[in-house]
Amino acid sequence: MHELPVTESILNICVKHAEANNAKKIVAIELKVGEMSDLEDEWMQKYFDYLAKDSIAEGAKLKIERTPVVVQCNLCAHTFNVDIKKREKLLCPECEGTCTLISGKEYHIKNMEVV
């Protein structure tokens, strides 16, 4: 259910920019979504379809690119990708220090295709 407010925000931003640039229709929206964001592609598209009804974004497809989880060691500053499905503890492979999340929870609009 948390996809609903995120999807509504994406729709509002895209419609605002499309209208400001005299676009007639939004065809597709490219998104970058972090692997840890808990946003499900299928539900984002379903909510988008519902919310976009009767707007210039009706029928637009969401093209979702997943961005990896990247962390940095607090001790040695080593930066590396993490497979969140395989790791139990988040320790640096170089020095076993604790790490800080750099990316992987974010979402943003990468591009928008309009006519």
C-alpha atoms as a PDB file:
ATOM      1  CA  MET A   1       0.000   0.000   0.000  1.00  0.00           C
ATOM      2  CA  HIS A   2       2.946   2.359   0.464  1.00  0.00           C
ATOM      3  CA  GLU A   3       3.287   2.422  -3.332  1.00  0.00           C
ATOM      4  CA  LEU A   4       0.151   4.592  -3.569  1.00  0.00           C
ATOM      5  CA  PRO A   5       1.537   7.888  -2.162  1.00  0.00           C
ATOM      6  CA  VAL A   6       4.872   7.396  -3.956  1.00  0.00           C
ATOM      7  CA  THR A   7       3.127   6.717  -7.257  1.00  0.00           C
ATOM      8  CA  GLU A   8       0.822   9.689  -6.757  1.00  0.00           C
ATOM      9  CA  SER A   9       3.836  11.923  -6.179  1.00  0.00           C
ATOM     10  CA  ILE A  10       5.524  10.622  -9.346  1.00  0.00           C
ATOM     11  CA  LEU A  11       2.361  11.219 -11.361  1.00  0.00           C
ATOM     12  CA  ASN A  12       1.925  14.767 -10.030  1.00  0.00           C
ATOM     13  CA  ILE A  13       5.534  15.704 -10.796  1.00  0.00           C
ATOM     14  CA  CYS A  14       5.367  14.278 -14.315  1.00  0.00           C
ATOM     15  CA  VAL A  15       2.030  15.885 -15.175  1.00  0.00           C
ATOM     16  CA  LYS A  16       3.249  19.231 -13.869  1.00  0.00           C
ATOM     17  CA  HIS A  17       6.411  19.138 -16.004  1.00  0.00           C
ATOM     18  CA  ALA A  18       4.624  17.777 -19.068  1.00  0.00           C
ATOM     19  CA  GLU A  19       1.988  20.497 -18.947  1.00  0.00           C
ATOM     20  CA  ALA A  20       4.604  23.196 -18.334  1.00  0.00           C
ATOM     21  CA  ASN A  21       6.297  22.047 -21.551  1.00  0.00           C
ATOM     22  CA  ASN A  22       3.068  21.855 -23.577  1.00  0.00           C
ATOM     23  CA  ALA A  23       3.138  18.069 -23.928  1.00  0.00           C
ATOM     24  CA  LYS A  24      -0.055  16.467 -25.163  1.00  0.00           C
ATOM     25  CA  LYS A  25       0.517  13.022 -23.664  1.00  0.00           C
ATOM     26  CA  ILE A  26       2.907  11.194 -21.358  1.00  0.00           C
ATOM     27  CA  VAL A  27       3.839   7.899 -23.010  1.00  0.00           C
ATOM     28  CA  ALA A  28       6.370   6.457 -20.556  1.00  0.00           C
ATOM     29  CA  ILE A  29       8.185   7.333 -17.361  1.00  0.00           C
ATOM     30  CA  GLU A  30      11.601   5.903 -16.557  1.00  0.00           C
ATOM     31  CA  LEU A  31      12.238   5.432 -12.847  1.00  0.00           C
ATOM     32  CA  LYS A  32      15.278   4.411 -10.835  1.00  0.00           C
ATOM     33  CA  VAL A  33      14.233   2.507  -7.738  1.00  0.00           C
ATOM     34  CA  GLY A  34      16.615   1.124  -5.133  1.00  0.00           C
ATOM     35  CA  GLU A  35      16.514  -2.602  -4.383  1.00  0.00           C
ATOM     36  CA  MET A  36      15.808  -1.871  -0.712  1.00  0.00           C
ATOM     37  CA  SER A  37      12.941   0.531  -1.371  1.00  0.00           C
ATOM     38  CA  ASP A  38      10.183  -2.087  -0.831  1.00  0.00           C
ATOM     39  CA  LEU A  39       8.323  -0.652  -3.826  1.00  0.00           C
ATOM     40  CA  GLU A  40       6.852  -3.389  -6.034  1.00  0.00           C
ATOM     41  CA  ASP A  41       6.914  -2.750  -9.786  1.00  0.00           C
ATOM     42  CA  GLU A  42       3.537  -4.389 -10.421  1.00  0.00           C
ATOM     43  CA  TRP A  43       1.745  -2.378  -7.728  1.00  0.00           C
ATOM     44  CA  MET A  44       3.354   0.868  -8.804  1.00  0.00           C
ATOM     45  CA  GLN A  45       2.027   0.336 -12.331  1.00  0.00           C
ATOM     46  CA  LYS A  46      -1.447  -0.644 -11.061  1.00  0.00           C
ATOM     47  CA  TYR A  47      -1.701   2.428  -8.836  1.00  0.00           C
ATOM     48  CA  PHE A  48      -0.322   4.622 -11.593  1.00  0.00           C
ATOM     49  CA  ASP A  49      -2.948   3.327 -14.047  1.00  0.00           C
ATOM     50  CA  TYR A  50      -5.702   4.036 -11.512  1.00  0.00           C
ATOM     51  CA  LEU A  51      -4.455   7.514 -10.599  1.00  0.00           C
ATOM     52  CA  ALA A  52      -3.651   8.576 -14.173  1.00  0.00           C
ATOM     53  CA  LYS A  53      -7.139   7.844 -15.497  1.00  0.00           C
ATOM     54  CA  ASP A  54      -8.522  10.824 -17.461  1.00  0.00           C
ATOM     55  CA  SER A  55      -5.188  12.686 -17.348  1.00  0.00           C
ATOM     56  CA  ILE A  56      -2.472  13.226 -19.955  1.00  0.00           C
ATOM     57  CA  ALA A  57      -0.623  10.321 -18.318  1.00  0.00           C
ATOM     58  CA  GLU A  58      -3.406   7.784 -18.883  1.00  0.00           C
ATOM     59  CA  GLY A  59      -1.922   4.644 -20.458  1.00  0.00           C
ATOM     60  CA  ALA A  60       1.686   5.618 -19.704  1.00  0.00           C
ATOM     61  CA  LYS A  61       4.041   2.782 -18.864  1.00  0.00           C
ATOM     62  CA  LEU A  62       6.444   2.863 -15.954  1.00  0.00           C
ATOM     63  CA  LYS A  63       9.900   1.612 -16.919  1.00  0.00           C
ATOM     64  CA  ILE A  64      11.549   0.701 -13.654  1.00  0.00           C
ATOM     65  CA  GLU A  65      15.293   0.211 -13.347  1.00  0.00           C
ATOM     66  CA  ARG A  66      16.479  -1.253 -10.049  1.00  0.00           C
ATOM     67  CA  THR A  67      19.581   0.297  -8.533  1.00  0.00           C
ATOM     68  CA  PRO A  68      21.874  -1.840  -6.393  1.00  0.00           C
ATOM     69  CA  VAL A  69      22.443  -1.540  -2.682  1.00  0.00           C
ATOM     70  CA  VAL A  70      25.816   0.163  -2.156  1.00  0.00           C
ATOM     71  CA  VAL A  71      27.502   0.551   1.206  1.00  0.00           C
ATOM     72  CA  GLN A  72      30.749   2.060   2.473  1.00  0.00           C
ATOM     73  CA  CYS A  73      32.892   0.774   5.323  1.00  0.00           C
ATOM     74  CA  ASN A  74      33.133   3.117   8.289  1.00  0.00           C
ATOM     75  CA  LEU A  75      36.729   2.003   8.989  1.00  0.00           C
ATOM     76  CA  CYS A  76      38.539   1.613   5.665  1.00  0.00           C
ATOM     77  CA  ALA A  77      36.101   3.505   3.343  1.00  0.00           C
ATOM     78  CA  HIS A  78      35.835   0.504   0.986  1.00  0.00           C
ATOM     79  CA  THR A  79      32.670   0.847  -1.129  1.00  0.00           C
ATOM     80  CA  PHE A  80      30.879  -2.228  -2.453  1.00  0.00           C
ATOM     81  CA  ASN A  81      27.553  -3.573  -3.719  1.00  0.00           C
ATOM     82  CA  VAL A  82      25.509  -5.823  -1.469  1.00  0.00           C
ATOM     83  CA  ASP A  83      23.163  -8.623  -2.439  1.00  0.00           C
ATOM     84  CA  ILE A  84      20.540  -8.071   0.241  1.00  0.00           C
ATOM     85  CA  LYS A  85      19.109 -11.553  -0.274  1.00  0.00           C
ATOM     86  CA  LYS A  86      22.402 -13.272   0.594  1.00  0.00           C
ATOM     87  CA  ARG A  87      23.874 -11.216   3.429  1.00  0.00           C
ATOM     88  CA  GLU A  88      22.932 -11.645   7.063  1.00  0.00           C
ATOM     89  CA  LYS A  89      25.424  -9.230   8.604  1.00  0.00           C
ATOM     90  CA  LEU A  90      26.619  -6.157   6.817  1.00  0.00           C
ATOM     91  CA  LEU A  91      30.371  -6.209   7.351  1.00  0.00           C
ATOM     92  CA  CYS A  92      33.140  -5.000   5.085  1.00  0.00           C
ATOM     93  CA  PRO A  93      34.778  -7.825   3.107  1.00  0.00           C
ATOM     94  CA  GLU A  94      38.151  -6.029   3.408  1.00  0.00           C
ATOM     95  CA  CYS A  95      38.375  -5.354   7.150  1.00  0.00           C
ATOM     96  CA  GLU A  96      35.071  -6.632   8.639  1.00  0.00           C
ATOM     97  CA  GLY A  97      34.155  -3.120   9.766  1.00  0.00           C
ATOM     98  CA  THR A  98      30.566  -1.893   9.979  1.00  0.00           C
ATOM     99  CA  CYS A  99      29.109  -0.090   6.992  1.00  0.00           C
ATOM    100  CA  THR A 100      26.874   2.826   6.085  1.00  0.00           C
ATOM    101  CA  LEU A 101      24.252   2.700   3.331  1.00  0.00           C
ATOM    102  CA  ILE A 102      25.217   4.862   0.329  1.00  0.00           C
ATOM    103  CA  SER A 103      22.361   3.959  -2.022  1.00  0.00           C
ATOM    104  CA  GLY A 104      19.632   1.400  -2.513  1.00  0.00           C
ATOM    105  CA  LYS A 105      16.524   2.884  -0.849  1.00  0.00           C
ATOM    106  CA  GLU A 106      16.019   5.843  -3.151  1.00  0.00           C
ATOM    107  CA  TYR A 107      13.621   6.367  -6.019  1.00  0.00           C
ATOM    108  CA  HIS A 108      13.604   9.111  -8.618  1.00  0.00           C
ATOM    109  CA  ILE A 109      12.327   9.985 -12.038  1.00  0.00           C
ATOM    110  CA  LYS A 110      15.067   9.417 -14.594  1.00  0.00           C
ATOM    111  CA  ASN A 111      13.279  10.401 -17.780  1.00  0.00           C
ATOM    112  CA  MET A 112       9.844  10.986 -19.262  1.00  0.00           C
ATOM    113  CA  GLU A 113       8.690  10.279 -22.816  1.00  0.00           C
ATOM    114  CA  VAL A 114       6.017  12.675 -24.087  1.00  0.00           C
ATOM    115  CA  VAL A 115       4.352  13.608 -27.345  1.00  0.00           C
END
